[in-house]
Amino acid sequence: ACTRSAAEHGARILPYHRVVGLELHDNRVVGARVNDERNGEELEIRADIVVNAAGAWAGQIASLGGCVVTVRPGKGIMIAMNHRLVNTVVNRCKPPSDGDIIVPIRTVSVIGTTDIQVADPDELEVTPAEIEEMFDEGEKLVPGFRKARALRVWAGARPLYTLDDVADPRAVSRTHTVLDHAKRDGVEGFITIAGGKTTTFRLMAEHALDTVCEKLRVDRPCTTHEQPLPDSEDERFYWLGARVQAQEPVPGSEEIICECELITRRHLTEAIARRRPTGLDDVRRRVRLGMGPCQGGFCIYRATGILHAFEHLDHQAANASLVDFLQERWKGVQPILYGDQLRQARLDDWIFQGLLAVGHLPE
């Protein structure tokens, strides 16, 4: 929704591009060099002001401009459970600690999280001890939590910003800071927004752009707090019954591609037509494809065929996208395999390895 809103306001979005360098001229950042990780093509971008909003990677980007920004990536894991075990957020009123909150999201409940300082935000390992801790803490919040079906586990990195040497990541403030490198480091045309969290990202953007406008001498009030993101204008963005209601007027009128999330062929084709995705993971982020109990077991080969039929991917790219999707799903499933989810994973393996021979697809 954020990228779509930005595009509607004139932004050019470059997914799968990694910043490999900043262009400096007379102590001023005048642009960036980015590399397309799909084909290796390098692109140079010029700008009056460069904003470093790279989150846990902000320190790495700042170093490309000769600036030091102390970002301490804090790893946290979360586990998605099969049902909405609660219908409102359940949190313990105590100092922040591991596994102290359960949040209902769409059709699942998510428990989290841990907080462990890591050296590299690209290297986040989920350990058995962390998973056990989540289940133990979940049992305290919702009795019987351990008996529920865990769908997958994942890890992310918080962009903790501090000038102090703090041993406990939870002692680091979650507030954000806008750094003007002209005043701080003598490097013009370069700003970093560090710290913060997703719940405050629009306020972070407002504060960063206030600094940009000041440097560009633009006198215009920010309106982000008044504008809903695309697809949320009717305030029903998280309404669970929307897809069910859409099916009821003419039962059987649309083929269901993903039974777990009630994604129809129309939902899928609209997402593909609107976004022109690079692969199946792009589609997943748009419509929750493959995010239910089967983790893509019953839907992803259908979706691959639809994506291929739309001619957005040739057969080599479609096959590669299918394999990549399954590998990414496996990363999140493998650490929490037990009970029903273990049986589901075995069935998925029979489907893709035994029936579809996914390990021997033509390249």
Protein backbone atom coordinates (compact mmCIF):
# COMPACT_ATOMS: atom_id res chain seq x y z
CA ALA A 1 0.00 0.00 0.00
CA CYS A 2 2.85 2.40 0.80
CA THR A 3 4.65 1.86 -2.49
CA ARG A 4 1.38 2.15 -4.40
CA SER A 5 0.62 5.45 -2.66
CA ALA A 6 4.13 6.70 -3.42
CA ALA A 7 3.78 5.72 -7.07
CA GLU A 8 0.45 7.56 -7.28
CA HIS A 9 2.28 10.67 -6.07
CA GLY A 10 4.99 10.37 -8.71
CA ALA A 11 7.59 8.07 -7.13
CA ARG A 12 9.47 5.49 -9.15
CA ILE A 13 9.70 2.18 -7.29
CA LEU A 14 12.71 -0.09 -7.90
CA PRO A 15 12.15 -3.43 -6.14
CA TYR A 16 15.01 -5.93 -5.82
CA HIS A 17 17.62 -3.19 -6.18
CA ARG A 18 20.48 -3.04 -3.68
CA VAL A 19 22.36 0.18 -2.94
CA VAL A 20 26.02 -0.50 -3.73
CA GLY A 21 27.43 3.02 -3.47
CA LEU A 22 26.73 6.70 -2.90
CA GLU A 23 27.94 9.36 -5.34
CA LEU A 24 29.86 12.13 -3.57
CA HIS A 25 31.07 15.41 -5.04
CA ASP A 26 32.75 18.13 -2.94
CA ASN A 27 31.50 16.64 0.35
CA ARG A 28 27.97 16.35 -0.97
CA VAL A 29 25.96 13.21 -1.68
CA VAL A 30 24.47 13.74 -5.14
CA GLY A 31 23.05 10.29 -5.84
CA ALA A 32 23.31 6.54 -5.42
CA ARG A 33 24.33 3.50 -7.42
CA VAL A 34 21.99 0.53 -7.22
CA ASN A 35 22.27 -2.99 -8.55
CA ASP A 36 19.32 -5.00 -9.90
CA GLU A 37 19.76 -8.34 -8.14
CA ARG A 38 17.67 -10.11 -10.78
CA ASN A 39 19.90 -9.38 -13.76
CA GLY A 40 22.98 -7.61 -12.39
CA GLU A 41 22.22 -4.32 -14.15
CA GLU A 42 23.59 -1.24 -12.38
CA LEU A 43 21.69 2.04 -12.31
CA GLU A 44 22.74 5.50 -11.16
CA ILE A 45 20.17 7.72 -9.46
CA ARG A 46 20.68 11.47 -9.02
CA ALA A 47 18.91 13.51 -6.36
CA ASP A 48 19.09 16.89 -4.62
CA ILE A 49 18.68 15.16 -1.25
CA VAL A 50 19.36 11.48 -0.49
CA VAL A 51 17.36 10.02 2.42
CA ASN A 52 18.75 6.94 4.12
CA ALA A 53 15.70 5.08 5.46
CA ALA A 54 17.22 1.60 5.35
CA GLY A 55 16.12 0.51 8.82
CA ALA A 56 18.47 -2.08 10.30
CA TRP A 57 20.79 -1.49 7.32
CA ALA A 58 20.95 2.30 7.85
CA GLY A 59 24.43 2.08 9.37
CA GLN A 60 25.74 0.22 6.32
CA ILE A 61 24.26 2.80 3.93
CA ALA A 62 25.59 5.71 5.99
CA SER A 63 29.09 4.26 5.83
CA LEU A 64 28.95 4.47 2.02
CA GLY A 65 28.78 8.24 2.46
CA GLY A 66 31.63 8.30 4.96
CA CYS A 67 29.31 8.74 7.96
CA VAL A 68 29.05 6.66 11.12
CA VAL A 69 25.53 5.80 12.32
CA THR A 70 25.41 3.34 15.21
CA VAL A 71 22.53 1.01 14.44
CA ARG A 72 22.34 -2.10 16.60
CA PRO A 73 20.14 -4.68 14.84
CA GLY A 74 17.93 -6.42 17.39
CA LYS A 75 16.65 -9.81 16.25
CA GLY A 76 13.11 -10.81 17.13
CA ILE A 77 11.17 -13.94 16.19
CA MET A 78 7.42 -14.41 15.81
CA ILE A 79 5.28 -17.51 15.40
CA ALA A 80 1.99 -17.58 13.49
CA MET A 81 -0.64 -19.96 14.90
CA ASN A 82 -3.38 -21.54 12.81
CA HIS A 83 -6.40 -19.76 14.32
CA ARG A 84 -7.44 -16.49 15.88
CA LEU A 85 -6.88 -17.81 19.40
CA VAL A 86 -7.90 -14.36 20.63
CA ASN A 87 -9.91 -11.60 18.98
CA THR A 88 -8.15 -8.72 20.70
CA VAL A 89 -4.51 -8.12 21.54
CA VAL A 90 -3.43 -9.90 24.73
CA ASN A 91 -0.45 -8.32 26.44
CA ARG A 92 1.04 -8.55 29.91
CA CYS A 93 1.31 -5.34 31.90
CA LYS A 94 4.93 -5.74 32.93
CA PRO A 95 8.31 -4.47 31.76
CA PRO A 96 8.92 -5.59 28.15
CA SER A 97 10.19 -9.15 27.87
CA ASP A 98 10.22 -12.08 25.46
CA GLY A 99 6.91 -13.56 24.28
CA ASP A 100 4.69 -11.10 26.11
CA ILE A 101 2.08 -10.38 23.42
CA ILE A 102 -0.35 -12.26 21.17
CA VAL A 103 -1.88 -10.34 18.27
CA PRO A 104 -4.77 -11.55 16.05
CA ILE A 105 -3.99 -10.81 12.38
CA ARG A 106 -6.48 -11.78 9.68
CA THR A 107 -7.00 -15.54 10.09
CA VAL A 108 -4.08 -16.23 12.45
CA SER A 109 -2.65 -15.24 15.82
CA VAL A 110 0.96 -14.15 16.15
CA ILE A 111 3.04 -14.42 19.31
CA GLY A 112 6.26 -12.53 19.84
CA THR A 113 8.88 -11.65 20.32
CA THR A 114 12.51 -12.00 21.36
CA ASP A 115 15.16 -9.28 21.39
CA ILE A 116 18.74 -10.36 20.72
CA GLN A 117 21.46 -8.10 19.37
CA VAL A 118 23.00 -9.42 16.14
CA ALA A 119 25.94 -8.29 14.04
CA ASP A 120 24.32 -8.64 10.61
CA PRO A 121 20.59 -8.12 9.89
CA ASP A 122 20.94 -10.43 6.88
CA GLU A 123 21.95 -13.36 9.11
CA LEU A 124 19.03 -14.14 11.41
CA GLU A 125 18.87 -17.68 12.75
CA VAL A 126 15.82 -18.98 14.61
CA THR A 127 16.95 -21.23 17.45
CA PRO A 128 15.01 -24.08 19.14
CA ALA A 129 15.43 -22.31 22.50
CA GLU A 130 13.65 -19.20 21.19
CA ILE A 131 10.77 -21.28 19.86
CA GLU A 132 10.39 -23.15 23.15
CA GLU A 133 10.36 -19.85 25.00
CA MET A 134 7.55 -18.54 22.78
CA PHE A 135 5.44 -21.63 23.47
CA ASP A 136 6.12 -21.42 27.22
CA GLU A 137 5.14 -17.76 27.35
CA GLY A 138 2.14 -18.33 25.10
CA GLU A 139 0.83 -20.94 27.52
CA LYS A 140 0.86 -18.29 30.27
CA LEU A 141 -1.15 -15.88 28.12
CA VAL A 142 -3.62 -18.39 26.65
CA PRO A 143 -3.91 -21.76 28.43
CA GLY A 144 -3.70 -24.55 25.86
CA PHE A 145 -1.54 -22.47 23.54
CA ARG A 146 0.89 -25.35 23.01
CA LYS A 147 -1.90 -27.55 21.66
CA ALA A 148 -2.64 -25.11 18.83
CA ARG A 149 -1.12 -25.62 15.39
CA ALA A 150 1.92 -23.50 14.59
CA LEU A 151 2.11 -22.50 10.91
CA ARG A 152 5.53 -20.92 10.61
CA VAL A 153 8.18 -18.86 12.38
CA TRP A 154 10.17 -15.93 11.07
CA ALA A 155 12.70 -13.40 12.30
CA GLY A 156 13.22 -9.71 11.67
CA ALA A 157 15.70 -7.06 12.79
CA ARG A 158 14.81 -3.89 14.68
CA PRO A 159 16.81 -0.77 13.73
CA LEU A 160 17.86 0.19 17.26
CA TYR A 161 19.77 3.48 17.31
CA THR A 162 21.87 4.49 20.28
CA LEU A 163 25.05 6.40 21.05
CA ASP A 164 25.66 4.38 24.21
CA ASP A 165 27.14 0.92 24.65
CA VAL A 166 24.05 -0.91 25.96
CA ALA A 167 24.23 -4.64 26.69
CA ASP A 168 20.46 -5.27 26.78
CA PRO A 169 18.70 -4.40 23.47
CA ARG A 170 15.43 -3.83 25.36
CA ALA A 171 17.10 -0.93 27.17
CA VAL A 172 17.49 0.92 23.86
CA SER A 173 14.70 3.39 23.10
CA ARG A 174 12.35 2.64 20.18
CA THR A 175 12.09 6.32 19.32
CA HIS A 176 13.41 7.60 16.01
CA THR A 177 15.99 10.25 15.18
CA VAL A 178 16.50 12.33 12.04
CA LEU A 179 20.20 12.90 11.36
CA ASP A 180 21.23 15.80 9.12
CA HIS A 181 24.71 14.77 8.02
CA ALA A 182 25.53 18.32 6.90
CA LYS A 183 25.35 19.51 10.51
CA ARG A 184 26.65 16.28 12.02
CA ASP A 185 29.38 15.13 9.62
CA GLY A 186 29.90 17.95 7.13
CA VAL A 187 28.32 15.90 4.32
CA GLU A 188 25.68 17.88 2.44
CA GLY A 189 22.59 16.45 0.73
CA PHE A 190 22.35 13.41 3.00
CA ILE A 191 19.83 12.58 5.73
CA THR A 192 19.35 9.43 7.81
CA ILE A 193 16.20 8.43 9.68
CA ALA A 194 17.27 5.93 12.35
CA GLY A 195 15.45 3.92 15.01
CA GLY A 196 11.66 3.79 15.26
CA LYS A 197 9.32 0.94 14.42
CA THR A 198 6.58 0.02 11.97
CA THR A 199 3.76 1.36 14.16
CA THR A 200 5.17 4.89 13.84
CA PHE A 201 6.49 4.75 10.28
CA ARG A 202 4.22 7.47 8.90
CA LEU A 203 5.24 9.88 11.65
CA MET A 204 8.87 8.97 10.94
CA ALA A 205 8.34 9.77 7.27
CA GLU A 206 6.76 13.11 8.17
CA HIS A 207 9.68 14.12 10.38
CA ALA A 208 12.25 13.05 7.77
CA LEU A 209 10.49 14.93 4.99
CA ASP A 210 10.10 18.03 7.17
CA THR A 211 13.90 18.13 7.28
CA VAL A 212 14.11 17.57 3.52
CA CYS A 213 11.64 20.38 2.82
CA GLU A 214 13.55 22.71 5.12
CA LYS A 215 16.78 22.03 3.21
CA LEU A 216 15.04 22.45 -0.15
CA ARG A 217 13.26 25.59 1.10
CA VAL A 218 9.85 24.11 0.44
CA ASP A 219 7.13 25.60 2.66
CA ARG A 220 4.28 23.13 2.52
CA PRO A 221 2.41 21.39 5.38
CA CYS A 222 2.54 17.60 5.59
CA THR A 223 -0.76 15.82 4.88
CA THR A 224 0.20 12.16 5.38
CA HIS A 225 -1.84 11.95 8.61
CA GLU A 226 -4.97 12.97 6.68
CA GLN A 227 -4.66 10.52 3.78
CA PRO A 228 -5.61 6.83 4.07
CA LEU A 229 -3.40 4.36 2.26
CA PRO A 230 -4.79 2.80 -0.93
CA ASP A 231 -7.37 0.04 -0.38
CA SER A 232 -8.14 1.25 3.14
CA GLU A 233 -10.37 4.20 2.25
CA ASP A 234 -13.53 2.39 3.37
CA GLU A 235 -11.93 1.51 6.75
CA ARG A 236 -12.60 -2.20 6.12
CA PHE A 237 -9.08 -3.22 5.18
CA TYR A 238 -8.96 -5.94 7.85
CA TRP A 239 -12.54 -7.12 7.55
CA LEU A 240 -12.37 -10.91 7.52
CA GLY A 241 -15.69 -11.50 5.80
CA ALA A 242 -15.04 -9.50 2.63
CA ARG A 243 -13.91 -12.42 0.49
CA VAL A 244 -16.64 -14.72 1.80
CA GLN A 245 -19.31 -12.12 1.04
CA ALA A 246 -17.93 -11.67 -2.47
CA GLN A 247 -18.48 -15.38 -3.10
CA GLU A 248 -22.03 -15.60 -1.72
CA PRO A 249 -24.12 -13.76 -4.38
CA VAL A 250 -23.29 -16.30 -7.11
CA PRO A 251 -21.98 -19.47 -5.44
CA GLY A 252 -19.50 -21.37 -7.58
CA SER A 253 -19.00 -18.44 -9.93
CA GLU A 254 -15.26 -18.20 -9.32
CA GLU A 255 -12.56 -20.80 -9.07
CA ILE A 256 -10.84 -20.76 -5.68
CA ILE A 257 -7.07 -20.95 -6.08
CA CYS A 258 -6.03 -20.74 -2.40
CA GLU A 259 -8.57 -22.47 -0.16
CA CYS A 260 -6.86 -21.45 3.08
CA GLU A 261 -7.16 -17.71 2.39
CA LEU A 262 -10.17 -17.83 0.01
CA ILE A 263 -8.23 -16.32 -2.89
CA THR A 264 -10.11 -16.65 -6.17
CA ARG A 265 -8.75 -16.59 -9.69
CA ARG A 266 -10.10 -13.05 -10.01
CA HIS A 267 -8.24 -11.89 -6.88
CA LEU A 268 -5.07 -13.41 -8.24
CA THR A 269 -5.34 -12.06 -11.78
CA GLU A 270 -6.21 -8.57 -10.51
CA ALA A 271 -3.14 -8.59 -8.27
CA ILE A 272 -0.95 -9.73 -11.16
CA ALA A 273 -2.39 -7.18 -13.57
CA ARG A 274 -2.07 -4.32 -11.08
CA ARG A 275 1.42 -5.07 -9.79
CA ARG A 276 3.16 -6.93 -12.62
CA PRO A 277 5.00 -9.06 -10.04
CA THR A 278 8.49 -10.43 -10.50
CA GLY A 279 7.58 -13.72 -8.85
CA LEU A 280 5.16 -15.57 -6.62
CA ASP A 281 6.47 -13.98 -3.43
CA ASP A 282 5.36 -10.58 -4.74
CA VAL A 283 1.86 -12.00 -5.23
CA ARG A 284 1.91 -13.49 -1.73
CA ARG A 285 2.54 -10.10 -0.17
CA ARG A 286 -0.42 -8.67 -2.02
CA VAL A 287 -3.13 -11.30 -1.41
CA ARG A 288 -1.67 -13.68 1.28
CA LEU A 289 -1.17 -16.47 -1.25
CA GLY A 290 0.21 -19.61 0.41
CA MET A 291 0.09 -18.18 3.94
CA GLY A 292 -2.49 -20.61 5.35
CA PRO A 293 -2.07 -24.07 6.93
CA CYS A 294 -0.87 -25.78 3.73
CA GLN A 295 1.82 -23.08 3.19
CA GLY A 296 1.31 -23.23 -0.57
CA GLY A 297 0.88 -27.00 -0.84
CA PHE A 298 -2.47 -26.87 -2.65
CA CYS A 299 -2.35 -23.47 -4.32
CA ILE A 300 1.11 -22.52 -5.44
CA TYR A 301 1.28 -24.77 -8.50
CA ARG A 302 -2.06 -23.35 -9.64
CA ALA A 303 -0.84 -19.81 -9.09
CA THR A 304 2.36 -20.58 -11.00
CA GLY A 305 0.30 -21.65 -14.00
CA ILE A 306 -1.78 -18.47 -13.86
CA LEU A 307 1.32 -16.30 -13.57
CA HIS A 308 2.87 -18.09 -16.54
CA ALA A 309 -0.35 -17.78 -18.59
CA PHE A 310 -0.31 -14.03 -18.07
CA GLU A 311 3.07 -14.05 -19.84
CA HIS A 312 4.73 -12.15 -17.05
CA LEU A 313 7.15 -15.08 -16.66
CA ASP A 314 8.50 -17.56 -19.19
CA HIS A 315 8.57 -21.22 -18.17
CA GLN A 316 12.13 -21.07 -16.81
CA ALA A 317 11.35 -18.06 -14.65
CA ALA A 318 8.01 -19.56 -13.56
CA ASN A 319 9.71 -22.80 -12.50
CA ALA A 320 12.41 -20.88 -10.64
CA SER A 321 9.78 -18.75 -8.89
CA LEU A 322 7.90 -21.88 -7.79
CA VAL A 323 11.04 -23.46 -6.33
CA ASP A 324 12.08 -20.22 -4.62
CA PHE A 325 8.63 -19.84 -3.08
CA LEU A 326 8.65 -23.39 -1.71
CA GLN A 327 12.15 -22.90 -0.30
CA GLU A 328 11.12 -19.71 1.49
CA ARG A 329 8.03 -21.38 2.93
CA TRP A 330 10.18 -24.30 4.10
CA LYS A 331 12.52 -21.96 5.99
CA GLY A 332 9.65 -20.79 8.16
CA VAL A 333 8.00 -24.18 8.58
CA GLN A 334 10.97 -26.44 9.29
CA PRO A 335 11.82 -25.10 12.79
CA ILE A 336 8.29 -25.68 14.17
CA LEU A 337 7.31 -28.99 12.56
CA TYR A 338 5.18 -31.09 14.90
CA GLY A 339 1.70 -32.59 14.95
CA ASP A 340 -0.66 -31.53 12.17
CA GLN A 341 1.86 -29.20 10.55
CA LEU A 342 4.37 -32.04 10.29
CA ARG A 343 1.76 -34.21 8.57
CA GLN A 344 0.89 -31.31 6.27
CA ALA A 345 4.56 -30.84 5.35
CA ARG A 346 4.86 -34.53 4.53
CA LEU A 347 1.80 -34.33 2.27
CA ASP A 348 3.21 -31.25 0.54
CA ASP A 349 6.45 -33.14 -0.02
CA TRP A 350 4.60 -36.03 -1.65
CA ILE A 351 2.73 -33.60 -3.92
CA PHE A 352 5.74 -31.62 -5.09
CA GLN A 353 8.47 -34.24 -5.03
CA GLY A 354 6.55 -37.44 -5.73
CA LEU A 355 3.84 -36.19 -8.09
CA LEU A 356 5.18 -32.99 -9.66
CA ALA A 357 8.93 -33.83 -9.47
CA VAL A 358 9.67 -30.23 -8.53
CA GLY A 359 13.32 -31.11 -8.01
CA HIS A 360 13.68 -32.04 -11.69
CA LEU A 361 11.90 -29.17 -13.44
CA PRO A 362 13.40 -28.10 -16.80
CA GLU A 363 15.61 -25.04 -16.63
